[in-house]
């Protein structure tokens, strides 16, 4: 019988209590021993409510727990590098929330630390764990689509009020608690608006599907009177020669979400409708293949990243969302911010050397 993996959660806020903590508590090979929140009273309440033995107020306190092997980093984005670098340097296996860091250099550095210590390091992107994502990746990587020439992405999610700071009511699921004020709308904490909060998903998904990395980014943002960006339009060149467009906003009706990915290759086309669970493969020659729609529970498997962290410790080959994908996303985000500010096309530096 395998020993259970002792694990902890740094940043036990709204998403951790909604997704990561339940996932670890439900995993047969995980032993969630500690959570961290800065406020001791709040930390004790979370620990008591979820039946977790130890409540910590600092990351150092949690990381010092004897026998701790795995850590989920779900603190505010501006703390991700500090918390993840400390955990990885101690040889802990880590799942880090998106956006991975505030800069691409920080993201690259974290991957290097993980490589030096031989630890599993994952980026938290639930979209990478659906059956359609796995099949779309297979069709592309196996050559069924041919050489990828163009990808178009439309991504919306009604988080406009969070980005503007009008309220802290999350728009996904029934929360145990709301996000802390400023987490999404204060640039010191969030880094940016829609580009950091949501485009990070779309950018990571590109490299997840194709294995290609960004080489050039041109972007335009519209803040619509807010402090941070609300609308984003990006043009990308990838290192496989393909061109990509990403359009994304949080300013939508509360009942409307879109995540449409259309891949155009020399042998066929893929049409993914992620929020509605749809996938279609249309070859240039032959009959289209429409896959059964995913169920509502399968569309966004929010507990999958934390579960995959534990599984990857036992079997590294099952890591479905390596943190290198977060590096790719951070390169797109950083270049897009520079492009929107300067009006220039921005070249992206070479990625870290690790397969995705």
Protein backbone atom coordinates (compact mmCIF):
# COMPACT_ATOMS: atom_id res chain seq x y z
CA UNK A 1 0.00 0.00 0.00
CA UNK A 2 1.35 3.43 -0.97
CA UNK A 3 2.05 5.99 1.74
CA UNK A 4 -0.19 9.02 1.52
CA UNK A 5 1.38 12.25 0.33
CA UNK A 6 1.45 14.87 3.08
CA UNK A 7 0.40 18.15 1.49
CA UNK A 8 -0.53 21.73 2.31
CA UNK A 9 -2.22 24.73 0.70
CA UNK A 10 -0.69 28.20 0.76
CA UNK A 11 -3.35 30.84 0.21
CA UNK A 12 -6.57 29.19 1.38
CA UNK A 13 -8.84 31.73 -0.27
CA UNK A 14 -11.97 31.43 -2.39
CA UNK A 15 -10.58 29.25 -5.18
CA UNK A 16 -8.57 26.99 -2.88
CA UNK A 17 -11.60 26.35 -0.70
CA UNK A 18 -13.76 25.75 -3.78
CA UNK A 19 -11.39 23.55 -5.79
CA UNK A 20 -8.04 22.53 -4.33
CA UNK A 21 -8.90 21.73 -0.73
CA UNK A 22 -11.87 19.48 -1.64
CA UNK A 23 -9.74 17.77 -4.30
CA UNK A 24 -6.98 16.93 -1.85
CA UNK A 25 -9.41 15.82 0.82
CA UNK A 26 -11.10 13.52 -1.69
CA UNK A 27 -7.90 12.00 -3.09
CA UNK A 28 -7.20 8.54 -1.62
CA UNK A 29 -3.42 9.08 -1.70
CA UNK A 30 -3.34 12.61 -0.28
CA UNK A 31 -3.18 13.70 3.34
CA UNK A 32 -3.99 17.40 3.63
CA UNK A 33 -2.30 18.39 6.90
CA UNK A 34 -2.18 22.20 6.76
CA UNK A 35 -3.52 25.37 5.18
CA UNK A 36 -2.22 28.93 5.31
CA UNK A 37 -4.03 32.25 5.52
CA UNK A 38 -2.54 35.49 6.81
CA UNK A 39 -5.34 36.08 9.34
CA UNK A 40 -5.11 33.52 12.16
CA UNK A 41 -8.82 33.58 12.97
CA UNK A 42 -9.71 33.00 9.31
CA UNK A 43 -7.07 30.29 8.98
CA UNK A 44 -8.44 28.42 12.00
CA UNK A 45 -11.99 28.69 10.69
CA UNK A 46 -11.03 27.19 7.31
CA UNK A 47 -9.06 24.43 9.00
CA UNK A 48 -11.91 23.63 11.38
CA UNK A 49 -14.61 23.75 8.71
CA UNK A 50 -12.71 21.39 6.41
CA UNK A 51 -11.26 19.15 9.11
CA UNK A 52 -7.60 20.07 8.46
CA UNK A 53 -5.23 19.61 11.44
CA UNK A 54 -2.96 22.66 11.16
CA UNK A 55 -3.77 26.33 10.49
CA UNK A 56 -0.77 28.53 9.57
CA UNK A 57 -0.43 32.26 9.02
CA UNK A 58 2.86 32.20 7.09
CA UNK A 59 4.18 30.11 4.23
CA UNK A 60 7.41 29.42 6.13
CA UNK A 61 5.42 27.90 8.98
CA UNK A 62 3.60 25.58 6.60
CA UNK A 63 6.72 24.60 4.65
CA UNK A 64 8.51 23.66 7.89
CA UNK A 65 5.98 20.92 8.71
CA UNK A 66 7.77 17.60 9.07
CA UNK A 67 7.22 15.22 6.17
CA UNK A 68 5.38 17.70 3.95
CA UNK A 69 5.92 16.66 0.33
CA UNK A 70 3.47 18.65 -1.82
CA UNK A 71 2.14 22.20 -1.81
CA UNK A 72 -0.60 24.02 -3.69
CA UNK A 73 0.19 27.71 -4.21
CA UNK A 74 -3.09 29.63 -4.52
CA UNK A 75 -2.13 32.91 -2.91
CA UNK A 76 -2.52 36.26 -4.68
CA UNK A 77 -0.53 36.42 -7.95
CA UNK A 78 2.06 38.87 -6.59
CA UNK A 79 3.04 36.25 -3.98
CA UNK A 80 3.25 33.26 -6.32
CA UNK A 81 6.98 33.58 -7.02
CA UNK A 82 7.92 34.05 -3.37
CA UNK A 83 5.85 31.10 -2.19
CA UNK A 84 6.64 28.72 -5.05
CA UNK A 85 10.38 29.40 -5.06
CA UNK A 86 10.56 28.67 -1.32
CA UNK A 87 8.61 25.42 -1.70
CA UNK A 88 10.53 24.22 -4.76
CA UNK A 89 13.91 25.03 -3.18
CA UNK A 90 12.96 22.71 -0.32
CA UNK A 91 12.24 19.91 -2.78
CA UNK A 92 8.45 20.09 -2.48
CA UNK A 93 6.21 19.12 -5.38
CA UNK A 94 4.13 22.15 -6.37
CA UNK A 95 0.90 23.07 -8.10
CA UNK A 96 0.80 26.81 -8.80
CA UNK A 97 -2.30 28.80 -9.64
CA UNK A 98 -2.59 30.99 -12.70
CA UNK A 99 -1.34 33.54 -13.55
CA UNK A 100 1.89 31.74 -12.74
CA UNK A 101 3.86 34.87 -11.78
CA UNK A 102 3.92 38.56 -12.59
CA UNK A 103 6.87 38.29 -15.03
CA UNK A 104 8.12 35.76 -17.54
CA UNK A 105 11.58 35.78 -15.92
CA UNK A 106 10.07 34.70 -12.60
CA UNK A 107 8.20 31.87 -14.31
CA UNK A 108 11.36 30.64 -16.06
CA UNK A 109 13.27 30.79 -12.78
CA UNK A 110 10.66 28.66 -10.98
CA UNK A 111 10.85 25.97 -13.66
CA UNK A 112 14.65 25.92 -13.35
CA UNK A 113 14.43 25.49 -9.56
CA UNK A 114 11.99 22.60 -10.02
CA UNK A 115 14.30 20.97 -12.58
CA UNK A 116 17.30 21.32 -10.26
CA UNK A 117 15.45 19.55 -7.45
CA UNK A 118 13.69 16.96 -9.60
CA UNK A 119 10.23 17.88 -8.36
CA UNK A 120 6.86 17.78 -10.06
CA UNK A 121 5.73 21.30 -10.94
CA UNK A 122 2.26 21.93 -12.40
CA UNK A 123 0.28 24.98 -13.53
CA UNK A 124 -3.38 24.98 -12.50
CA UNK A 125 -5.38 24.97 -15.76
CA UNK A 126 -8.51 22.78 -15.51
CA UNK A 127 -9.11 23.05 -19.27
CA UNK A 128 -6.15 20.68 -19.81
CA UNK A 129 -7.98 17.81 -18.13
CA UNK A 130 -11.08 17.30 -20.26
CA UNK A 131 -11.53 14.34 -22.58
CA UNK A 132 -11.87 16.76 -25.50
CA UNK A 133 -8.59 18.49 -24.63
CA UNK A 134 -6.80 15.15 -24.63
CA UNK A 135 -8.35 14.15 -27.95
CA UNK A 136 -7.67 17.53 -29.60
CA UNK A 137 -4.05 17.37 -28.47
CA UNK A 138 -3.76 13.83 -29.86
CA UNK A 139 -5.23 14.80 -33.24
CA UNK A 140 -2.76 17.67 -33.55
CA UNK A 141 0.33 15.91 -32.21
CA UNK A 142 -0.35 12.75 -34.29
CA UNK A 143 -0.63 14.77 -37.50
CA UNK A 144 -4.34 14.21 -38.23
CA UNK A 145 -4.77 17.99 -38.56
CA UNK A 146 -1.58 18.28 -40.60
CA UNK A 147 0.66 21.29 -40.11
CA UNK A 148 -1.11 23.93 -38.04
CA UNK A 149 -1.40 27.16 -39.98
CA UNK A 150 -3.84 29.28 -37.97
CA UNK A 151 -5.68 29.28 -34.64
CA UNK A 152 -8.42 31.65 -33.54
CA UNK A 153 -9.53 31.95 -29.91
CA UNK A 154 -12.50 33.76 -28.38
CA UNK A 155 -12.54 33.71 -24.59
CA UNK A 156 -15.07 35.50 -22.39
CA UNK A 157 -15.99 35.07 -18.75
CA UNK A 158 -18.20 37.52 -16.82
CA UNK A 159 -15.61 38.75 -14.31
CA UNK A 160 -15.91 42.40 -15.29
CA UNK A 161 -17.05 43.50 -11.81
CA UNK A 162 -14.10 41.70 -10.23
CA UNK A 163 -11.68 43.43 -12.61
CA UNK A 164 -13.26 46.83 -11.95
CA UNK A 165 -13.44 46.29 -8.20
CA UNK A 166 -17.21 46.84 -8.12
CA UNK A 167 -17.71 43.73 -5.97
CA UNK A 168 -15.97 40.49 -5.03
CA UNK A 169 -18.73 38.07 -5.95
CA UNK A 170 -17.17 35.20 -7.95
CA UNK A 171 -18.97 33.91 -11.02
CA UNK A 172 -18.05 30.24 -10.83
CA UNK A 173 -19.77 27.77 -8.54
CA UNK A 174 -21.04 28.39 -5.00
CA UNK A 175 -18.10 29.79 -3.03
CA UNK A 176 -17.20 29.02 0.56
CA UNK A 177 -15.84 32.57 0.66
CA UNK A 178 -15.47 35.50 -1.73
CA UNK A 179 -12.13 36.68 -3.16
CA UNK A 180 -10.27 39.20 -1.04
CA UNK A 181 -10.82 42.82 -2.10
CA UNK A 182 -8.10 43.96 -4.51
CA UNK A 183 -7.03 40.48 -5.61
CA UNK A 184 -8.40 41.04 -9.14
CA UNK A 185 -8.49 44.83 -9.52
CA UNK A 186 -5.35 46.13 -7.80
CA UNK A 187 -2.35 45.97 -10.18
CA UNK A 188 0.02 45.49 -7.23
CA UNK A 189 -1.68 42.16 -6.47
CA UNK A 190 -3.07 41.06 -9.83
CA UNK A 191 -0.43 42.32 -12.28
CA UNK A 192 -3.10 43.25 -14.82
CA UNK A 193 -6.75 42.76 -15.65
CA UNK A 194 -8.22 40.38 -18.22
CA UNK A 195 -4.78 39.69 -19.69
CA UNK A 196 -3.52 38.20 -16.42
CA UNK A 197 -6.78 36.75 -15.10
CA UNK A 198 -8.12 35.00 -18.21
CA UNK A 199 -5.83 35.25 -21.26
CA UNK A 200 -3.35 33.21 -19.21
CA UNK A 201 -5.72 30.25 -19.72
CA UNK A 202 -5.96 30.75 -23.48
CA UNK A 203 -2.22 31.27 -23.94
CA UNK A 204 -1.32 28.13 -21.98
CA UNK A 205 -3.93 26.15 -23.91
CA UNK A 206 -2.24 27.00 -27.21
CA UNK A 207 1.04 25.40 -26.18
CA UNK A 208 -0.81 22.54 -24.48
CA UNK A 209 -2.53 21.67 -27.76
CA UNK A 210 0.25 22.13 -30.28
CA UNK A 211 3.53 22.19 -28.35
CA UNK A 212 4.37 25.48 -30.12
CA UNK A 213 5.77 28.50 -28.28
CA UNK A 214 5.15 32.20 -28.97
CA UNK A 215 7.84 34.12 -30.85
CA UNK A 216 6.08 37.45 -31.53
CA UNK A 217 3.10 39.24 -29.99
CA UNK A 218 1.15 42.32 -31.08
CA UNK A 219 -1.64 43.48 -28.77
CA UNK A 220 -4.22 46.15 -28.12
CA UNK A 221 -6.06 46.65 -24.81
CA UNK A 222 -9.14 48.67 -23.87
CA UNK A 223 -9.70 49.57 -20.21
CA UNK A 224 -13.18 51.00 -20.74
CA UNK A 225 -12.61 53.51 -17.93
CA UNK A 226 -11.21 50.95 -15.48
CA UNK A 227 -7.75 50.91 -13.93
CA UNK A 228 -6.94 47.56 -15.54
CA UNK A 229 -7.58 46.14 -19.01
CA UNK A 230 -11.07 44.81 -19.71
CA UNK A 231 -10.79 43.98 -23.44
CA UNK A 232 -7.80 42.32 -25.12
CA UNK A 233 -6.99 41.61 -28.78
CA UNK A 234 -3.76 39.74 -29.55
CA UNK A 235 -1.98 38.54 -32.69
CA UNK A 236 0.70 35.88 -32.17
CA UNK A 237 3.35 34.19 -34.26
CA UNK A 238 4.30 30.73 -32.97
CA UNK A 239 7.57 28.89 -33.45
CA UNK A 240 5.89 26.27 -35.65
CA UNK A 241 5.06 29.02 -38.15
CA UNK A 242 1.36 29.22 -37.23
CA UNK A 243 -0.45 32.50 -36.61
CA UNK A 244 -2.92 33.01 -33.76
CA UNK A 245 -5.58 35.52 -32.78
CA UNK A 246 -6.92 35.80 -29.25
CA UNK A 247 -9.90 38.00 -28.36
CA UNK A 248 -10.90 38.10 -24.71
CA UNK A 249 -13.02 40.15 -22.30
CA UNK A 250 -14.65 39.92 -18.90
CA UNK A 251 -17.38 42.39 -19.82
CA UNK A 252 -20.17 40.00 -20.69
CA UNK A 253 -23.64 39.07 -19.49
CA UNK A 254 -23.50 36.99 -16.31
CA UNK A 255 -25.13 34.10 -18.13
CA UNK A 256 -22.73 34.06 -21.08
CA UNK A 257 -19.30 32.41 -21.30
CA UNK A 258 -17.34 31.63 -24.45
CA UNK A 259 -14.13 29.72 -25.00
CA UNK A 260 -13.98 28.83 -28.68
CA UNK A 261 -10.77 27.47 -30.17
CA UNK A 262 -10.57 26.89 -33.92
CA UNK A 263 -7.50 25.17 -35.31
CA UNK A 264 -6.85 25.23 -39.06
CA UNK A 265 -4.32 22.73 -40.41
CA UNK A 266 -3.20 21.49 -43.81
CA UNK A 267 -5.17 18.23 -43.39
CA UNK A 268 -8.15 19.33 -41.35
CA UNK A 269 -9.77 21.63 -38.85
CA UNK A 270 -10.66 21.36 -35.17
CA UNK A 271 -13.53 23.25 -33.57
CA UNK A 272 -13.63 23.29 -29.76
CA UNK A 273 -16.40 24.95 -27.76
CA UNK A 274 -14.99 24.51 -24.29
CA UNK A 275 -17.71 26.08 -22.13
CA UNK A 276 -20.39 24.05 -23.93
CA UNK A 277 -18.36 20.85 -24.11
CA UNK A 278 -18.22 20.56 -27.89
CA UNK A 279 -15.55 19.13 -30.21
CA UNK A 280 -15.62 18.56 -33.98
CA UNK A 281 -12.87 17.41 -36.34
CA UNK A 282 -13.38 18.26 -40.01
CA UNK A 283 -10.79 16.67 -42.31
CA UNK A 284 -10.05 18.20 -45.70
CA UNK A 285 -11.02 14.85 -47.22
CA UNK A 286 -13.59 12.60 -45.60
CA UNK A 287 -16.48 12.91 -43.21
CA UNK A 288 -16.54 15.28 -40.23
CA UNK A 289 -16.28 13.68 -36.79
CA UNK A 290 -18.49 15.19 -34.08
CA UNK A 291 -17.72 14.01 -30.56
CA UNK A 292 -20.38 13.61 -27.86
CA UNK A 293 -20.76 16.76 -25.78
CA UNK A 294 -19.20 16.69 -22.34
CA UNK A 295 -21.52 16.69 -19.36
CA UNK A 296 -21.83 19.83 -17.24
CA UNK A 297 -19.49 18.34 -14.61
CA UNK A 298 -16.90 17.42 -17.26
CA UNK A 299 -16.72 20.84 -18.92
CA UNK A 300 -14.52 22.51 -16.29
CA UNK A 301 -12.92 19.89 -13.97
CA UNK A 302 -11.81 22.33 -11.29
CA UNK A 303 -10.57 19.64 -8.89
CA UNK A 304 -8.40 17.91 -11.51
CA UNK A 305 -5.22 20.03 -11.11
CA UNK A 306 -4.74 19.25 -7.40
CA UNK A 307 -5.58 15.59 -7.98
CA UNK A 308 -3.06 15.47 -10.82
CA UNK A 309 -0.38 16.92 -8.52
CA UNK A 310 -0.71 13.89 -6.27
CA UNK A 311 -0.88 11.42 -9.17
CA UNK A 312 2.21 12.97 -10.78
CA UNK A 313 4.29 12.39 -7.67
CA UNK A 314 3.68 8.64 -8.02
CA UNK A 315 3.95 8.69 -11.83
CA UNK A 316 5.64 11.74 -13.42
CA UNK A 317 4.42 10.66 -16.88
CA UNK A 318 0.83 11.49 -15.91
CA UNK A 319 1.56 15.21 -15.39
CA UNK A 320 -1.02 16.72 -17.76
CA UNK A 321 -0.23 20.38 -17.13
CA UNK A 322 3.50 21.01 -16.59
CA UNK A 323 4.47 24.46 -15.36
CA UNK A 324 6.30 25.11 -18.64
CA UNK A 325 2.84 25.86 -20.04
CA UNK A 326 2.63 28.66 -17.48
CA UNK A 327 5.94 30.00 -18.78
CA UNK A 328 4.52 30.10 -22.31
CA UNK A 329 1.45 31.96 -21.03
CA UNK A 330 3.59 34.46 -19.10
CA UNK A 331 5.66 35.15 -22.21
CA UNK A 332 2.47 35.98 -24.11
CA UNK A 333 1.11 38.12 -21.26
CA UNK A 334 4.31 40.08 -20.73
CA UNK A 335 4.84 40.67 -24.46
CA UNK A 336 1.18 41.69 -24.89
CA UNK A 337 1.47 44.26 -22.09
CA UNK A 338 4.63 45.69 -23.64
CA UNK A 339 3.01 45.78 -27.09
CA UNK A 340 -0.15 47.48 -25.86
CA UNK A 341 1.93 50.12 -24.08
CA UNK A 342 4.43 50.77 -26.87
CA UNK A 343 2.35 50.07 -29.97
CA UNK A 344 5.12 47.78 -31.22
CA UNK A 345 5.31 44.14 -32.22
CA UNK A 346 7.24 42.37 -29.44
CA UNK A 347 9.64 39.49 -29.99
CA UNK A 348 9.61 36.79 -27.33
CA UNK A 349 12.79 35.24 -25.93
CA UNK A 350 13.49 31.52 -26.23
CA UNK A 351 11.51 29.25 -23.91
CA UNK A 352 12.95 27.01 -21.22
CA UNK A 353 14.21 23.66 -22.42
CA UNK A 354 11.56 21.17 -21.35
CA UNK A 355 9.01 19.18 -23.34
CA UNK A 356 5.33 20.03 -22.98
